[in-house]
Amino acid sequence: MSQQHHKQCDVLIIGAGPAGLSLARGLAPSGLSIVLVETHPESVLANPPYDGREIALTHYSRETMQAWDMWDKVPANEIYRLKDARVLNGRSNYQLHFPQPTAARGKPADSLGFLISNHNIRRAAYEAVKPFANVTLMCEHNAVAVQTTSNQATVTLDNGSQITCQLLVAADSRFSQTRRLLGIAADSHDFGRTVLVFRMRHTLSNNHSAFECFHYGRTLALLPLESNLTNCVVTIDNDKATALMAMNGEELAADITRELNGRLGDMTLVSSIHHYPLVGVHAQAFYGQRSALIGDAAVGMHPVTAHGFNLGLASAKILSELVTQAAQQHRDIGSNSLLAQYQRRHMPHTRMLYHGTNAMVTLFTNDAPPARLLRSLVLRASNHCPPVKRLISKQLTG
């Protein structure tokens, strides 16, 4: 194979989504040569389309994004404060309340966290990476084959060219083809549901409070943006999703208003509607020979907390710190011992959140009479158990 069809680098990242770009930004100051392979054209990375998803970011994630020059690249008026959060069960007005904190990570705080649109995070990550000459983007390509040895990993792209690296990182979604090529198994949970996301304007203020409404037959999450603008996240059984998606704007606004019993007043659809299959994924290992998984390729969360990117950002931060330190000390950046350390630091947290979230969702979407009673009891017990509330609030703030 001619030289022009064979490229070498230190770190090869498959997937230039938020997690992949964040890892590249975290690694860039190390001076290592980094290549990102991405299916979309670079124009999409530079100007990602709105996809309906709002990401709840912890204070820890904000600190990481600030350190990596990503936070300031998001328009200030599109960073929304998430003051507090409430959980409702069925048609009861009783609420499990996570109040506005006074401190987070040892500093004064006036919010549980922040909400930023996914497309703004993607754009900010791209813009933070672009100034680094040691980061190369190879867009409009897919990885079709992977071969690893004790010394290197080689990836074959869809055009027949090959890239050899010391460390291969999969960051190509929860349905990661790279993870499959590496032979790393994953536990998958298909909830049999569809997620619909869209923005509504309303006449009454949301007071910057998030609501998770576990109604019977569907779940409705309300993520406050502006005082009179809310992102709505509906999860509904697949066989009922088609009827909801067929509604026009007025019908959908009327439907959501009924679901909320007029809590936010009159509502108006002000965005496009996007829908996604609801599938959770957790890889059985976060690394293999000369390879690692980050972001959704490692763990794809149920969107009930809008929290998944916090784990993706944490995985990028942990791995970038370990690899940078190894490079500075002239150690092998793709050694099994380094990658095992990455897994030990990241996996326990993801396992707890993944399985805990799935268990909660399974209970709170079970509408059988005994489950309805248990749902109510769990909510009330949690509200009157300060240690439980503190633990959950700590996860929300990071």
Protein backbone atom coordinates (compact mmCIF):
# COMPACT_ATOMS: atom_id res chain seq x y z
CA MET A 1 0.00 0.00 0.00
CA SER A 2 1.40 3.40 -0.96
CA GLN A 3 2.41 5.89 1.71
CA GLN A 4 -0.47 8.21 0.87
CA HIS A 5 -2.93 5.46 1.82
CA HIS A 6 -1.30 4.63 5.13
CA LYS A 7 -1.26 7.14 7.98
CA GLN A 8 0.26 6.91 11.43
CA CYS A 9 -0.66 8.77 14.61
CA ASP A 10 -0.45 8.44 18.36
CA VAL A 11 -4.19 8.46 19.13
CA LEU A 12 -6.97 7.61 16.71
CA ILE A 13 -10.52 8.56 17.77
CA ILE A 14 -13.46 7.11 15.85
CA GLY A 15 -16.35 9.56 16.15
CA ALA A 16 -16.15 13.37 16.32
CA GLY A 17 -19.26 13.87 18.39
CA PRO A 18 -19.14 15.78 21.71
CA ALA A 19 -17.23 13.01 23.53
CA GLY A 20 -14.69 12.38 20.77
CA LEU A 21 -14.00 16.07 20.23
CA SER A 22 -13.74 16.63 23.99
CA LEU A 23 -11.15 13.88 24.29
CA ALA A 24 -9.19 15.38 21.39
CA ARG A 25 -9.25 18.77 23.15
CA GLY A 26 -8.15 17.25 26.43
CA LEU A 27 -5.24 15.47 24.72
CA ALA A 28 -4.23 18.26 22.33
CA PRO A 29 -1.85 20.16 24.69
CA SER A 30 0.18 16.96 25.15
CA GLY A 31 1.61 17.33 21.64
CA LEU A 32 0.54 13.81 20.68
CA SER A 33 -0.62 13.40 17.08
CA ILE A 34 -4.39 12.87 17.12
CA VAL A 35 -6.69 11.84 14.28
CA LEU A 36 -10.48 11.95 14.42
CA VAL A 37 -12.51 9.90 11.92
CA GLU A 38 -16.09 11.09 11.43
CA THR A 39 -18.93 10.06 9.14
CA HIS A 40 -20.38 13.58 8.78
CA PRO A 41 -18.80 16.31 6.64
CA GLU A 42 -16.81 18.96 8.49
CA SER A 43 -19.46 21.56 7.66
CA VAL A 44 -21.84 19.68 9.98
CA LEU A 45 -19.26 19.69 12.78
CA ALA A 46 -18.73 23.43 12.32
CA ASN A 47 -22.45 24.18 12.28
CA PRO A 48 -24.40 21.26 13.79
CA PRO A 49 -28.16 21.29 13.25
CA TYR A 50 -30.60 21.58 16.14
CA ASP A 51 -31.60 18.06 17.19
CA GLY A 52 -34.03 18.79 20.01
CA ARG A 53 -31.81 17.49 22.80
CA GLU A 54 -31.02 19.62 25.83
CA ILE A 55 -28.13 18.41 27.99
CA ALA A 56 -28.14 18.87 31.77
CA LEU A 57 -24.58 19.69 32.81
CA THR A 58 -23.20 19.41 36.33
CA HIS A 59 -20.92 21.97 37.95
CA TYR A 60 -18.07 19.49 37.47
CA SER A 61 -18.79 19.34 33.75
CA ARG A 62 -18.83 23.12 33.56
CA GLU A 63 -15.37 23.22 35.15
CA THR A 64 -14.07 20.71 32.60
CA MET A 65 -15.59 22.62 29.69
CA GLN A 66 -14.12 25.86 31.01
CA ALA A 67 -10.67 24.28 31.31
CA TRP A 68 -10.92 23.04 27.72
CA ASP A 69 -12.08 26.40 26.27
CA MET A 70 -15.50 25.02 25.42
CA TRP A 71 -17.78 26.83 27.88
CA ASP A 72 -17.11 30.35 26.62
CA LYS A 73 -17.79 29.23 23.06
CA VAL A 74 -21.46 28.65 23.91
CA PRO A 75 -23.54 31.85 23.58
CA ALA A 76 -24.18 33.12 27.11
CA ASN A 77 -27.89 33.56 26.40
CA GLU A 78 -28.14 29.87 25.47
CA ILE A 79 -26.76 28.58 28.77
CA TYR A 80 -29.82 28.02 30.93
CA ARG A 81 -29.82 27.76 34.73
CA LEU A 82 -31.45 24.68 36.24
CA LYS A 83 -32.52 25.95 39.65
CA ASP A 84 -34.15 22.86 41.14
CA ALA A 85 -35.90 19.63 40.15
CA ARG A 86 -39.18 17.94 41.03
CA VAL A 87 -40.54 14.44 40.43
CA LEU A 88 -44.27 13.67 40.16
CA ASN A 89 -46.01 10.31 40.08
CA GLY A 90 -49.19 9.62 38.14
CA ARG A 91 -51.81 12.34 38.61
CA SER A 92 -50.83 13.16 42.18
CA ASN A 93 -49.62 16.66 42.99
CA TYR A 94 -47.18 15.25 45.57
CA GLN A 95 -43.60 16.10 44.58
CA LEU A 96 -40.17 14.72 45.36
CA HIS A 97 -38.20 17.96 45.47
CA PHE A 98 -34.49 18.51 44.98
CA PRO A 99 -34.07 22.13 46.07
CA GLN A 100 -31.76 24.82 44.82
CA PRO A 101 -28.35 24.20 46.44
CA THR A 102 -26.33 26.82 48.27
CA ALA A 103 -23.02 25.23 47.28
CA ALA A 104 -21.60 22.78 44.74
CA ARG A 105 -18.07 21.35 44.66
CA GLY A 106 -17.10 23.56 47.61
CA LYS A 107 -18.20 26.82 45.97
CA PRO A 108 -21.35 28.95 46.32
CA ALA A 109 -24.03 27.88 43.83
CA ASP A 110 -27.52 29.01 42.89
CA SER A 111 -28.46 26.06 40.69
CA LEU A 112 -28.41 22.29 40.47
CA GLY A 113 -26.76 22.61 37.08
CA PHE A 114 -27.10 24.04 33.60
CA LEU A 115 -28.92 23.21 30.37
CA ILE A 116 -27.24 23.59 26.98
CA SER A 117 -28.52 22.36 23.62
CA ASN A 118 -26.61 19.41 22.25
CA HIS A 119 -25.82 21.18 18.98
CA ASN A 120 -24.21 24.07 20.90
CA ILE A 121 -21.99 21.65 22.82
CA ARG A 122 -20.96 19.95 19.58
CA ARG A 123 -20.09 23.29 17.96
CA ALA A 124 -18.15 24.49 21.01
CA ALA A 125 -16.12 21.27 21.13
CA TYR A 126 -15.28 21.56 17.43
CA GLU A 127 -14.21 25.19 17.80
CA ALA A 128 -12.04 24.32 20.83
CA VAL A 129 -10.18 21.64 18.85
CA LYS A 130 -9.62 23.54 15.61
CA PRO A 131 -6.65 25.72 16.74
CA PHE A 132 -4.45 22.67 17.44
CA ALA A 133 -2.22 21.69 14.51
CA ASN A 134 -1.60 18.22 16.00
CA VAL A 135 -5.32 17.32 15.66
CA THR A 136 -6.43 16.09 12.22
CA LEU A 137 -10.03 15.60 11.14
CA MET A 138 -10.83 12.92 8.54
CA CYS A 139 -14.49 13.48 7.71
CA GLU A 140 -16.97 11.51 5.63
CA HIS A 141 -15.31 8.18 6.44
CA ASN A 142 -16.19 5.06 8.43
CA ALA A 143 -14.03 2.42 10.08
CA VAL A 144 -14.73 -0.96 8.45
CA ALA A 145 -12.03 -3.14 10.02
CA VAL A 146 -9.82 -3.10 13.11
CA GLN A 147 -6.71 -5.12 13.91
CA THR A 148 -4.84 -4.83 17.21
CA THR A 149 -1.53 -6.27 18.37
CA SER A 150 0.45 -5.80 21.56
CA ASN A 151 2.23 -2.83 19.92
CA GLN A 152 -0.35 -1.03 17.81
CA ALA A 153 -3.86 -0.82 16.41
CA THR A 154 -4.63 -0.53 12.69
CA VAL A 155 -7.96 0.71 11.36
CA THR A 156 -9.10 0.30 7.77
CA LEU A 157 -11.46 2.97 6.46
CA ASP A 158 -14.23 2.65 3.90
CA ASN A 159 -11.96 4.03 1.15
CA GLY A 160 -9.36 1.31 1.74
CA SER A 161 -6.82 3.55 3.51
CA GLN A 162 -5.35 2.49 6.83
CA ILE A 163 -4.38 4.34 10.01
CA THR A 164 -1.99 2.86 12.55
CA CYS A 165 -1.92 4.20 16.12
CA GLN A 166 -0.69 3.48 19.61
CA LEU A 167 -4.18 3.95 21.05
CA LEU A 168 -7.56 3.53 19.35
CA VAL A 169 -10.60 5.15 21.00
CA ALA A 170 -14.21 4.38 20.09
CA ALA A 171 -16.51 7.38 20.51
CA ASP A 172 -19.07 6.55 17.83
CA SER A 173 -22.41 6.34 19.69
CA ARG A 174 -24.15 3.75 21.84
CA PHE A 175 -24.59 1.61 18.71
CA SER A 176 -20.81 1.72 18.18
CA GLN A 177 -19.59 -0.22 15.17
CA THR A 178 -16.01 0.21 16.42
CA ARG A 179 -16.91 -1.46 19.71
CA ARG A 180 -18.28 -4.41 17.74
CA LEU A 181 -15.16 -4.57 15.54
CA LEU A 182 -13.05 -4.68 18.70
CA GLY A 183 -15.10 -7.62 19.99
CA ILE A 184 -16.19 -5.83 23.16
CA ALA A 185 -19.62 -7.01 24.25
CA ALA A 186 -22.28 -4.66 25.64
CA ASP A 187 -25.42 -5.11 27.70
CA SER A 188 -28.34 -3.51 25.85
CA HIS A 189 -31.74 -2.60 27.27
CA ASP A 190 -34.45 -1.80 24.72
CA PHE A 191 -37.21 -0.06 26.65
CA GLY A 192 -39.69 -0.51 23.78
CA ARG A 193 -40.27 3.21 23.84
CA THR A 194 -39.68 6.26 21.66
CA VAL A 195 -38.40 9.63 22.85
CA LEU A 196 -39.90 12.80 21.34
CA VAL A 197 -38.22 16.16 22.02
CA PHE A 198 -39.41 19.67 21.18
CA ARG A 199 -39.67 23.18 22.60
CA MET A 200 -42.82 24.86 23.86
CA ARG A 201 -43.48 28.48 24.77
CA HIS A 202 -46.02 29.00 27.54
CA THR A 203 -47.84 31.79 29.31
CA LEU A 204 -46.85 30.87 32.89
CA SER A 205 -43.25 30.86 34.16
CA ASN A 206 -41.42 27.58 34.71
CA ASN A 207 -39.40 29.27 37.48
CA HIS A 208 -36.33 27.49 36.10
CA SER A 209 -37.53 24.24 37.72
CA ALA A 210 -37.20 20.88 36.00
CA PHE A 211 -40.05 18.40 36.26
CA GLU A 212 -40.02 14.65 35.72
CA CYS A 213 -43.66 13.60 35.40
CA PHE A 214 -44.15 9.83 35.51
CA HIS A 215 -47.69 9.84 34.23
CA TYR A 216 -49.54 6.63 33.47
CA GLY A 217 -48.76 5.50 29.92
CA ARG A 218 -46.02 8.04 29.27
CA THR A 219 -43.25 10.04 30.92
CA LEU A 220 -42.93 13.79 30.41
CA ALA A 221 -39.76 15.64 31.35
CA LEU A 222 -39.78 19.45 31.40
CA LEU A 223 -36.40 21.14 31.07
CA PRO A 224 -36.56 24.90 31.73
CA LEU A 225 -34.78 27.15 29.27
CA GLU A 226 -36.07 30.72 29.41
CA SER A 227 -38.77 31.50 31.98
CA ASN A 228 -41.48 30.93 29.37
CA LEU A 229 -39.64 28.43 27.17
CA THR A 230 -39.36 24.75 28.05
CA ASN A 231 -37.90 21.70 26.33
CA CYS A 232 -40.38 18.82 26.51
CA VAL A 233 -39.16 15.22 26.47
CA VAL A 234 -41.90 12.64 26.01
CA THR A 235 -41.16 8.92 26.32
CA ILE A 236 -44.00 6.71 25.13
CA ASP A 237 -44.54 3.12 24.06
CA ASN A 238 -43.55 2.57 20.44
CA ASP A 239 -47.06 1.52 19.41
CA LYS A 240 -48.43 4.85 20.67
CA ALA A 241 -45.65 7.09 19.36
CA THR A 242 -46.92 7.21 15.79
CA ALA A 243 -50.17 8.91 16.78
CA LEU A 244 -48.28 11.52 18.81
CA MET A 245 -45.84 12.20 15.97
CA ALA A 246 -48.74 12.63 13.54
CA MET A 247 -50.16 15.57 15.51
CA ASN A 248 -49.78 19.09 14.16
CA GLY A 249 -48.37 21.85 16.35
CA GLU A 250 -51.69 22.94 17.81
CA GLU A 251 -52.75 19.38 18.60
CA LEU A 252 -49.43 18.59 20.27
CA ALA A 253 -49.54 21.80 22.34
CA ALA A 254 -53.08 20.97 23.46
CA ASP A 255 -52.01 17.42 24.34
CA ILE A 256 -49.07 18.56 26.48
CA THR A 257 -51.21 21.24 28.15
CA ARG A 258 -53.69 18.53 29.16
CA GLU A 259 -50.90 16.30 30.44
CA LEU A 260 -49.73 19.15 32.68
CA ASN A 261 -53.22 20.18 33.79
CA GLY A 262 -52.40 23.69 32.64
CA ARG A 263 -49.36 23.95 34.95
CA LEU A 264 -47.53 26.18 32.45
CA GLY A 265 -50.60 27.89 31.02
CA ASP A 266 -51.29 28.01 27.30
CA MET A 267 -48.58 26.30 25.26
CA THR A 268 -47.29 26.81 21.72
CA LEU A 269 -44.91 24.58 19.76
CA VAL A 270 -41.90 26.67 18.65
CA SER A 271 -39.42 24.10 17.34
CA SER A 272 -39.13 21.10 15.09
CA ILE A 273 -39.98 17.71 16.63
CA HIS A 274 -37.30 15.04 16.87
CA HIS A 275 -37.64 11.40 17.90
CA TYR A 276 -35.18 8.70 18.95
CA PRO A 277 -35.40 5.00 19.90
CA LEU A 278 -35.02 4.47 23.64
CA VAL A 279 -32.20 1.98 24.13
CA GLY A 280 -29.73 1.93 27.02
CA VAL A 281 -26.28 0.38 26.56
CA HIS A 282 -23.43 -0.43 28.94
CA ALA A 283 -20.25 -2.04 27.61
CA GLN A 284 -19.01 -5.04 29.57
CA ALA A 285 -15.47 -3.62 29.39
CA PHE A 286 -14.24 -0.10 28.70
CA TYR A 287 -11.01 -1.22 27.07
CA GLY A 288 -9.41 -3.91 24.95
CA GLN A 289 -5.99 -4.45 23.46
CA ARG A 290 -4.68 -1.00 22.41
CA SER A 291 -8.23 0.38 22.58
CA ALA A 292 -10.68 2.18 24.85
CA LEU A 293 -14.34 3.21 24.82
CA ILE A 294 -15.62 6.64 25.84
CA GLY A 295 -18.91 8.49 25.76
CA ASP A 296 -21.98 6.60 24.58
CA ALA A 297 -19.79 3.84 23.15
CA ALA A 298 -19.00 2.99 26.78
CA VAL A 299 -22.38 3.78 28.33
CA GLY A 300 -25.55 5.14 26.74
CA MET A 301 -27.95 6.37 29.41
CA HIS A 302 -31.74 6.57 29.53
CA PRO A 303 -32.53 10.29 28.95
CA VAL A 304 -34.70 10.59 32.06
CA THR A 305 -32.06 12.80 33.71
CA ALA A 306 -30.76 14.46 30.46
CA HIS A 307 -27.45 13.59 32.12
CA GLY A 308 -25.58 11.29 29.73
CA PHE A 309 -22.98 13.74 28.41
CA ASN A 310 -21.65 14.28 31.93
CA LEU A 311 -20.46 10.66 31.85
CA GLY A 312 -19.06 11.13 28.35
CA LEU A 313 -17.15 14.23 29.43
CA ALA A 314 -15.89 12.44 32.55
CA SER A 315 -14.62 9.54 30.45
CA ALA A 316 -12.76 11.96 28.17
CA LYS A 317 -11.24 13.76 31.15
CA ILE A 318 -10.08 10.60 32.92
CA LEU A 319 -8.58 9.06 29.79
CA SER A 320 -6.93 12.28 28.61
CA GLU A 321 -5.28 12.81 32.00
CA LEU A 322 -3.90 9.26 32.09
CA VAL A 323 -2.64 9.38 28.50
CA THR A 324 -1.11 12.84 28.90
CA GLN A 325 0.69 11.81 32.06
CA ALA A 326 2.04 8.67 30.38
CA ALA A 327 3.27 10.69 27.39
CA GLN A 328 5.03 13.19 29.66
CA GLN A 329 6.77 10.32 31.45
CA HIS A 330 7.65 8.59 28.14
CA ARG A 331 5.49 5.58 29.00
CA ASP A 332 3.28 3.54 26.67
CA ILE A 333 0.03 5.49 26.14
CA GLY A 334 -1.86 2.35 25.07
CA SER A 335 -0.66 -0.14 27.66
CA ASN A 336 -3.10 -2.54 29.30
CA SER A 337 -2.15 -1.21 32.73
CA LEU A 338 -3.06 2.37 31.76
CA LEU A 339 -6.35 1.34 30.16
CA ALA A 340 -7.23 -0.88 33.13
CA GLN A 341 -6.70 2.15 35.36
CA TYR A 342 -9.09 4.14 33.17
CA GLN A 343 -11.73 1.44 33.57
CA ARG A 344 -11.26 1.25 37.35
CA ARG A 345 -11.76 4.99 37.67
CA HIS A 346 -14.76 5.29 35.37
CA MET A 347 -16.78 2.08 35.38
CA PRO A 348 -17.97 1.89 39.03
CA HIS A 349 -19.71 5.26 38.71
CA THR A 350 -21.33 4.41 35.38
CA ARG A 351 -22.55 1.02 36.58
CA MET A 352 -24.29 2.58 39.57
CA LEU A 353 -25.95 5.31 37.50
CA TYR A 354 -26.87 3.06 34.59
CA HIS A 355 -28.44 0.25 36.57
CA GLY A 356 -29.95 2.58 39.16
CA THR A 357 -31.57 4.70 36.47
CA ASN A 358 -32.90 1.67 34.62
CA ALA A 359 -34.36 0.23 37.82
CA MET A 360 -36.05 3.54 38.64
CA VAL A 361 -37.47 3.88 35.13
CA THR A 362 -38.72 0.27 35.15
CA LEU A 363 -40.59 0.89 38.40
CA PHE A 364 -41.99 4.30 37.46
CA THR A 365 -43.24 3.16 34.06
CA ASN A 366 -45.02 0.10 35.48
CA ASP A 367 -48.69 1.06 35.70
CA ALA A 368 -49.96 -2.09 37.45
CA PRO A 369 -51.83 -1.25 40.70
CA PRO A 370 -49.16 -2.72 43.05
CA ALA A 371 -46.42 -0.79 41.19
CA ARG A 372 -48.44 2.43 41.36
CA LEU A 373 -48.62 2.07 45.13
CA LEU A 374 -44.90 1.28 45.38
CA ARG A 375 -44.08 4.29 43.16
CA SER A 376 -45.92 6.57 45.58
CA LEU A 377 -44.24 5.02 48.61
CA VAL A 378 -40.77 5.34 47.07
CA LEU A 379 -41.35 9.01 46.29
CA ARG A 380 -42.54 9.81 49.80
CA ALA A 381 -39.80 7.77 51.48
CA SER A 382 -37.13 9.51 49.38
CA ASN A 383 -38.53 12.92 50.25
CA HIS A 384 -38.26 12.16 53.96
CA CYS A 385 -34.82 10.53 53.85
CA PRO A 386 -32.18 13.31 53.82
CA PRO A 387 -29.21 10.99 53.09
CA VAL A 388 -30.92 9.69 49.93
CA LYS A 389 -31.79 13.19 48.77
CA ARG A 390 -28.24 14.40 49.44
CA LEU A 391 -26.79 11.48 47.47
CA ILE A 392 -29.03 12.16 44.46
CA SER A 393 -28.43 15.92 44.65
CA LYS A 394 -24.69 15.27 44.71
CA GLN A 395 -25.02 13.26 41.48
CA LEU A 396 -27.07 16.07 39.91
CA THR A 397 -24.52 18.76 40.76
CA GLY A 398 -21.49 16.59 40.06
